[in-house]
N, C-alpha and C. Protein backbone atom coordinates (compact mmCIF):
# COMPACT_ATOMS: atom_id res chain seq x y z
N MET A 1 72.49 3.17 20.73
CA MET A 1 71.48 2.41 20.02
C MET A 1 70.19 2.46 20.84
N LYS A 2 69.11 2.79 20.20
CA LYS A 2 67.80 2.88 20.84
C LYS A 2 66.93 1.74 20.33
N ILE A 3 66.22 1.09 21.24
CA ILE A 3 65.37 -0.05 20.89
C ILE A 3 63.94 0.24 21.33
N GLU A 4 63.01 0.10 20.40
CA GLU A 4 61.59 0.23 20.71
C GLU A 4 60.88 -1.04 20.23
N GLU A 5 59.82 -1.41 20.95
CA GLU A 5 59.11 -2.63 20.61
C GLU A 5 57.61 -2.37 20.51
N ALA A 6 56.98 -3.16 19.68
CA ALA A 6 55.53 -3.15 19.56
C ALA A 6 55.13 -4.56 19.12
N GLU A 7 53.85 -4.85 19.23
CA GLU A 7 53.38 -6.15 18.76
C GLU A 7 52.30 -5.92 17.72
N ASP A 8 52.39 -6.69 16.64
CA ASP A 8 51.43 -6.58 15.55
C ASP A 8 51.10 -7.99 15.07
N ARG A 9 49.86 -8.40 15.24
CA ARG A 9 49.39 -9.72 14.80
C ARG A 9 50.22 -10.87 15.37
N GLY A 10 50.61 -10.72 16.63
CA GLY A 10 51.37 -11.77 17.29
C GLY A 10 52.86 -11.73 17.02
N VAL A 11 53.31 -10.78 16.22
CA VAL A 11 54.73 -10.63 15.90
C VAL A 11 55.30 -9.48 16.72
N VAL A 12 56.40 -9.73 17.42
CA VAL A 12 57.08 -8.66 18.15
C VAL A 12 57.94 -7.91 17.14
N VAL A 13 57.63 -6.63 16.94
CA VAL A 13 58.38 -5.79 16.02
C VAL A 13 59.35 -4.96 16.85
N ILE A 14 60.64 -5.14 16.57
CA ILE A 14 61.69 -4.45 17.30
C ILE A 14 62.33 -3.44 16.36
N ARG A 15 62.21 -2.17 16.71
CA ARG A 15 62.77 -1.09 15.89
C ARG A 15 64.05 -0.59 16.55
N ILE A 16 65.13 -0.60 15.77
CA ILE A 16 66.44 -0.20 16.28
C ILE A 16 66.87 1.07 15.58
N GLU A 17 67.40 2.01 16.36
CA GLU A 17 67.91 3.26 15.79
C GLU A 17 69.32 3.52 16.30
N GLY A 18 70.13 4.14 15.45
CA GLY A 18 71.49 4.52 15.84
C GLY A 18 72.52 3.60 15.26
N ASP A 19 73.67 3.57 15.92
CA ASP A 19 74.78 2.71 15.50
C ASP A 19 74.68 1.37 16.20
N MET A 20 74.86 0.31 15.45
CA MET A 20 74.82 -1.04 16.01
C MET A 20 76.26 -1.52 16.09
N VAL A 21 76.88 -1.27 17.25
CA VAL A 21 78.31 -1.53 17.39
C VAL A 21 78.65 -2.35 18.63
N GLY A 22 77.70 -3.07 19.16
CA GLY A 22 77.97 -3.91 20.33
C GLY A 22 77.80 -3.12 21.62
N GLY A 23 78.41 -3.61 22.68
CA GLY A 23 78.33 -2.94 23.97
C GLY A 23 77.05 -3.26 24.72
N PRO A 24 76.72 -2.43 25.71
CA PRO A 24 75.54 -2.69 26.56
C PRO A 24 74.23 -2.77 25.77
N ALA A 25 74.08 -1.97 24.75
CA ALA A 25 72.85 -2.00 23.95
C ALA A 25 72.68 -3.35 23.26
N ALA A 26 73.77 -3.94 22.86
CA ALA A 26 73.71 -5.26 22.21
C ALA A 26 73.18 -6.29 23.19
N ARG A 27 73.67 -6.24 24.41
CA ARG A 27 73.17 -7.17 25.43
C ARG A 27 71.69 -6.91 25.71
N GLU A 28 71.28 -5.65 25.64
CA GLU A 28 69.88 -5.31 25.86
C GLU A 28 68.98 -5.98 24.82
N LEU A 29 69.40 -5.98 23.57
CA LEU A 29 68.60 -6.62 22.51
C LEU A 29 68.43 -8.10 22.81
N THR A 30 69.51 -8.78 23.14
CA THR A 30 69.45 -10.21 23.44
C THR A 30 68.57 -10.48 24.66
N GLU A 31 68.71 -9.66 25.68
CA GLU A 31 67.90 -9.83 26.89
C GLU A 31 66.41 -9.62 26.60
N ARG A 32 66.10 -8.64 25.77
CA ARG A 32 64.69 -8.41 25.42
C ARG A 32 64.13 -9.59 24.65
N LEU A 33 64.91 -10.14 23.73
CA LEU A 33 64.46 -11.33 23.00
C LEU A 33 64.19 -12.48 23.97
N ARG A 34 65.10 -12.70 24.90
CA ARG A 34 64.92 -13.78 25.88
C ARG A 34 63.68 -13.56 26.73
N GLU A 35 63.45 -12.32 27.11
CA GLU A 35 62.27 -12.00 27.92
C GLU A 35 60.98 -12.30 27.14
N HIS A 36 60.94 -11.89 25.89
CA HIS A 36 59.76 -12.16 25.07
C HIS A 36 59.55 -13.66 24.88
N ILE A 37 60.64 -14.38 24.64
CA ILE A 37 60.54 -15.84 24.48
C ILE A 37 60.00 -16.45 25.77
N GLY A 38 60.50 -15.98 26.90
CA GLY A 38 60.02 -16.46 28.19
C GLY A 38 58.53 -16.18 28.41
N ASN A 39 58.04 -15.14 27.76
CA ASN A 39 56.62 -14.79 27.84
C ASN A 39 55.79 -15.45 26.75
N GLY A 40 56.40 -16.39 26.03
CA GLY A 40 55.66 -17.16 25.04
C GLY A 40 55.64 -16.61 23.63
N LYS A 41 56.38 -15.54 23.36
CA LYS A 41 56.43 -14.98 22.00
C LYS A 41 57.35 -15.84 21.14
N LYS A 42 56.98 -15.99 19.87
CA LYS A 42 57.75 -16.88 18.99
C LYS A 42 58.17 -16.24 17.68
N GLN A 43 57.63 -15.07 17.37
CA GLN A 43 57.91 -14.44 16.08
C GLN A 43 58.44 -13.03 16.29
N PHE A 44 59.58 -12.74 15.64
CA PHE A 44 60.25 -11.46 15.83
C PHE A 44 60.63 -10.85 14.49
N LEU A 45 60.36 -9.57 14.36
CA LEU A 45 60.71 -8.82 13.15
C LEU A 45 61.54 -7.63 13.59
N VAL A 46 62.77 -7.56 13.11
CA VAL A 46 63.67 -6.46 13.48
C VAL A 46 63.69 -5.45 12.36
N ASP A 47 63.24 -4.24 12.68
CA ASP A 47 63.22 -3.12 11.73
C ASP A 47 64.54 -2.38 11.85
N MET A 48 65.32 -2.42 10.78
CA MET A 48 66.66 -1.83 10.80
C MET A 48 66.72 -0.51 10.04
N ALA A 49 65.57 0.10 9.77
CA ALA A 49 65.54 1.36 9.02
C ALA A 49 66.35 2.46 9.71
N GLY A 50 66.39 2.43 11.04
CA GLY A 50 67.07 3.48 11.78
C GLY A 50 68.54 3.22 12.07
N ILE A 51 69.08 2.13 11.54
CA ILE A 51 70.50 1.83 11.77
C ILE A 51 71.35 2.67 10.82
N SER A 52 72.21 3.48 11.39
CA SER A 52 73.07 4.32 10.56
C SER A 52 74.42 3.65 10.29
N TRP A 53 74.87 2.79 11.19
CA TRP A 53 76.16 2.13 11.02
C TRP A 53 76.14 0.82 11.78
N MET A 54 76.81 -0.20 11.23
CA MET A 54 76.95 -1.47 11.93
C MET A 54 78.35 -2.01 11.68
N ASN A 55 79.05 -2.38 12.74
CA ASN A 55 80.37 -2.98 12.59
C ASN A 55 80.28 -4.48 12.89
N SER A 56 81.42 -5.14 13.03
CA SER A 56 81.42 -6.58 13.24
C SER A 56 80.77 -6.95 14.58
N SER A 57 80.89 -6.09 15.58
CA SER A 57 80.23 -6.36 16.86
C SER A 57 78.72 -6.29 16.71
N GLY A 58 78.25 -5.34 15.92
CA GLY A 58 76.82 -5.25 15.64
C GLY A 58 76.33 -6.48 14.90
N LEU A 59 77.14 -6.95 13.96
CA LEU A 59 76.81 -8.18 13.23
C LEU A 59 76.75 -9.35 14.21
N GLY A 60 77.68 -9.38 15.15
CA GLY A 60 77.66 -10.41 16.18
C GLY A 60 76.40 -10.34 17.03
N THR A 61 75.92 -9.13 17.28
CA THR A 61 74.68 -8.93 18.02
C THR A 61 73.51 -9.56 17.26
N LEU A 62 73.45 -9.30 15.95
CA LEU A 62 72.40 -9.90 15.13
C LEU A 62 72.48 -11.42 15.16
N MET A 63 73.68 -11.95 15.03
CA MET A 63 73.86 -13.40 15.04
C MET A 63 73.48 -13.99 16.39
N GLY A 64 73.84 -13.30 17.47
CA GLY A 64 73.47 -13.77 18.81
C GLY A 64 71.96 -13.78 18.98
N GLY A 65 71.30 -12.75 18.48
CA GLY A 65 69.84 -12.69 18.55
C GLY A 65 69.21 -13.81 17.76
N LEU A 66 69.74 -14.05 16.57
CA LEU A 66 69.22 -15.13 15.73
C LEU A 66 69.40 -16.48 16.41
N SER A 67 70.56 -16.70 17.01
CA SER A 67 70.81 -17.97 17.72
C SER A 67 69.87 -18.14 18.90
N THR A 68 69.68 -17.07 19.67
CA THR A 68 68.78 -17.12 20.83
C THR A 68 67.38 -17.52 20.39
N VAL A 69 66.91 -16.89 19.33
CA VAL A 69 65.55 -17.13 18.84
C VAL A 69 65.42 -18.54 18.26
N ARG A 70 66.36 -18.92 17.42
CA ARG A 70 66.28 -20.25 16.80
C ARG A 70 66.42 -21.38 17.82
N ASN A 71 67.30 -21.19 18.81
CA ASN A 71 67.47 -22.23 19.83
C ASN A 71 66.20 -22.45 20.64
N ALA A 72 65.33 -21.44 20.66
CA ALA A 72 64.06 -21.56 21.37
C ALA A 72 62.93 -22.03 20.44
N GLY A 73 63.28 -22.36 19.19
CA GLY A 73 62.28 -22.82 18.23
C GLY A 73 61.42 -21.70 17.68
N CYS A 74 61.96 -20.49 17.70
CA CYS A 74 61.22 -19.31 17.24
C CYS A 74 61.84 -18.79 15.94
N SER A 75 61.26 -17.71 15.39
CA SER A 75 61.79 -17.16 14.14
C SER A 75 62.05 -15.66 14.26
N LEU A 76 63.07 -15.22 13.54
CA LEU A 76 63.47 -13.82 13.50
C LEU A 76 63.73 -13.43 12.06
N LYS A 77 63.13 -12.32 11.64
CA LYS A 77 63.31 -11.82 10.28
C LYS A 77 63.69 -10.34 10.35
N LEU A 78 64.29 -9.84 9.28
CA LEU A 78 64.73 -8.45 9.22
C LEU A 78 63.95 -7.68 8.18
N MET A 79 63.78 -6.39 8.40
CA MET A 79 63.19 -5.54 7.37
C MET A 79 63.91 -4.20 7.34
N HIS A 80 63.78 -3.55 6.18
CA HIS A 80 64.39 -2.24 5.94
C HIS A 80 65.90 -2.24 6.19
N VAL A 81 66.56 -3.25 5.66
CA VAL A 81 68.01 -3.37 5.81
C VAL A 81 68.67 -2.50 4.73
N ASN A 82 69.53 -1.56 5.16
CA ASN A 82 70.13 -0.67 4.16
C ASN A 82 71.21 -1.39 3.35
N GLU A 83 71.60 -0.78 2.26
CA GLU A 83 72.54 -1.40 1.31
C GLU A 83 73.88 -1.75 1.94
N LYS A 84 74.38 -0.90 2.82
CA LYS A 84 75.67 -1.18 3.48
C LYS A 84 75.60 -2.45 4.31
N ILE A 85 74.49 -2.63 5.03
CA ILE A 85 74.35 -3.82 5.86
C ILE A 85 74.09 -5.05 5.00
N VAL A 86 73.33 -4.89 3.93
CA VAL A 86 73.13 -6.00 2.98
C VAL A 86 74.49 -6.47 2.45
N ASN A 87 75.34 -5.53 2.08
CA ASN A 87 76.68 -5.88 1.59
C ASN A 87 77.51 -6.56 2.66
N LEU A 88 77.42 -6.09 3.90
CA LEU A 88 78.15 -6.71 5.00
C LEU A 88 77.68 -8.16 5.19
N LEU A 89 76.38 -8.38 5.12
CA LEU A 89 75.86 -9.74 5.25
C LEU A 89 76.33 -10.62 4.10
N ARG A 90 76.39 -10.05 2.90
CA ARG A 90 76.87 -10.83 1.74
C ARG A 90 78.35 -11.18 1.88
N ILE A 91 79.15 -10.19 2.21
CA ILE A 91 80.60 -10.38 2.33
C ILE A 91 80.93 -11.46 3.36
N THR A 92 80.19 -11.46 4.46
CA THR A 92 80.43 -12.42 5.53
C THR A 92 79.69 -13.75 5.30
N ARG A 93 78.99 -13.82 4.19
CA ARG A 93 78.23 -15.02 3.81
C ARG A 93 77.14 -15.38 4.83
N LEU A 94 76.59 -14.37 5.44
CA LEU A 94 75.52 -14.57 6.42
C LEU A 94 74.15 -14.20 5.87
N SER A 95 74.11 -13.69 4.67
CA SER A 95 72.83 -13.25 4.10
C SER A 95 71.82 -14.38 3.98
N SER A 96 72.29 -15.60 3.80
CA SER A 96 71.36 -16.72 3.66
C SER A 96 70.70 -17.10 4.98
N LEU A 97 71.22 -16.61 6.09
CA LEU A 97 70.65 -16.94 7.39
C LEU A 97 69.46 -16.06 7.76
N PHE A 98 69.37 -14.90 7.12
CA PHE A 98 68.33 -13.95 7.46
C PHE A 98 67.34 -13.77 6.32
N GLU A 99 66.07 -13.89 6.62
CA GLU A 99 65.03 -13.56 5.66
C GLU A 99 64.77 -12.06 5.82
N THR A 100 64.87 -11.32 4.70
CA THR A 100 64.74 -9.86 4.77
C THR A 100 63.58 -9.37 3.91
N PHE A 101 63.03 -8.25 4.32
CA PHE A 101 61.87 -7.66 3.64
C PHE A 101 62.03 -6.15 3.57
N GLU A 102 61.46 -5.57 2.52
CA GLU A 102 61.42 -4.12 2.38
C GLU A 102 60.07 -3.57 2.82
N ASP A 103 59.04 -4.41 2.80
CA ASP A 103 57.68 -3.99 3.10
C ASP A 103 57.22 -4.63 4.41
N GLU A 104 56.74 -3.80 5.34
CA GLU A 104 56.34 -4.31 6.64
C GLU A 104 55.13 -5.25 6.55
N GLU A 105 54.15 -4.92 5.73
CA GLU A 105 52.99 -5.80 5.57
C GLU A 105 53.39 -7.17 5.07
N GLU A 106 54.27 -7.18 4.07
CA GLU A 106 54.75 -8.44 3.52
C GLU A 106 55.52 -9.24 4.58
N ALA A 107 56.34 -8.54 5.35
CA ALA A 107 57.11 -9.20 6.41
C ALA A 107 56.20 -9.82 7.45
N LEU A 108 55.20 -9.07 7.91
CA LEU A 108 54.27 -9.58 8.92
C LEU A 108 53.47 -10.76 8.37
N ALA A 109 53.03 -10.67 7.13
CA ALA A 109 52.26 -11.76 6.52
C ALA A 109 53.10 -13.02 6.36
N SER A 110 54.42 -12.88 6.20
CA SER A 110 55.27 -14.05 5.98
C SER A 110 55.32 -14.98 7.19
N PHE A 111 55.02 -14.47 8.37
CA PHE A 111 55.03 -15.32 9.55
C PHE A 111 53.87 -16.30 9.58
N ASN A 112 52.80 -15.95 8.89
CA ASN A 112 51.62 -16.80 8.89
C ASN A 112 51.41 -17.49 7.55
N ALA A 113 52.41 -17.42 6.69
CA ALA A 113 52.28 -18.02 5.35
C ALA A 113 52.49 -19.52 5.40
């Protein structure tokens, strides 16, 4: 799993590529979120366009990231979530926890709405 970050209008955009299956990369995502929170960042947008596969450990990674962000009083949203992952979120009844977007402009604007 490869993670790249950028900032746009005060929102940290995290782009993930590859398989989201847990392991060291999963810990890296959580650590990066904690680092940004420690640096005063409060808004996070995870771009999942590059995710080819996600298993239950990957889902746990997303949930851990969401918990880390929410516990700090911050927000995390998802964009470009493929149909397989949307179905996984529905089946596990976690879809209501994540605000998702198909359009990056709309996602970024939602933080300041």
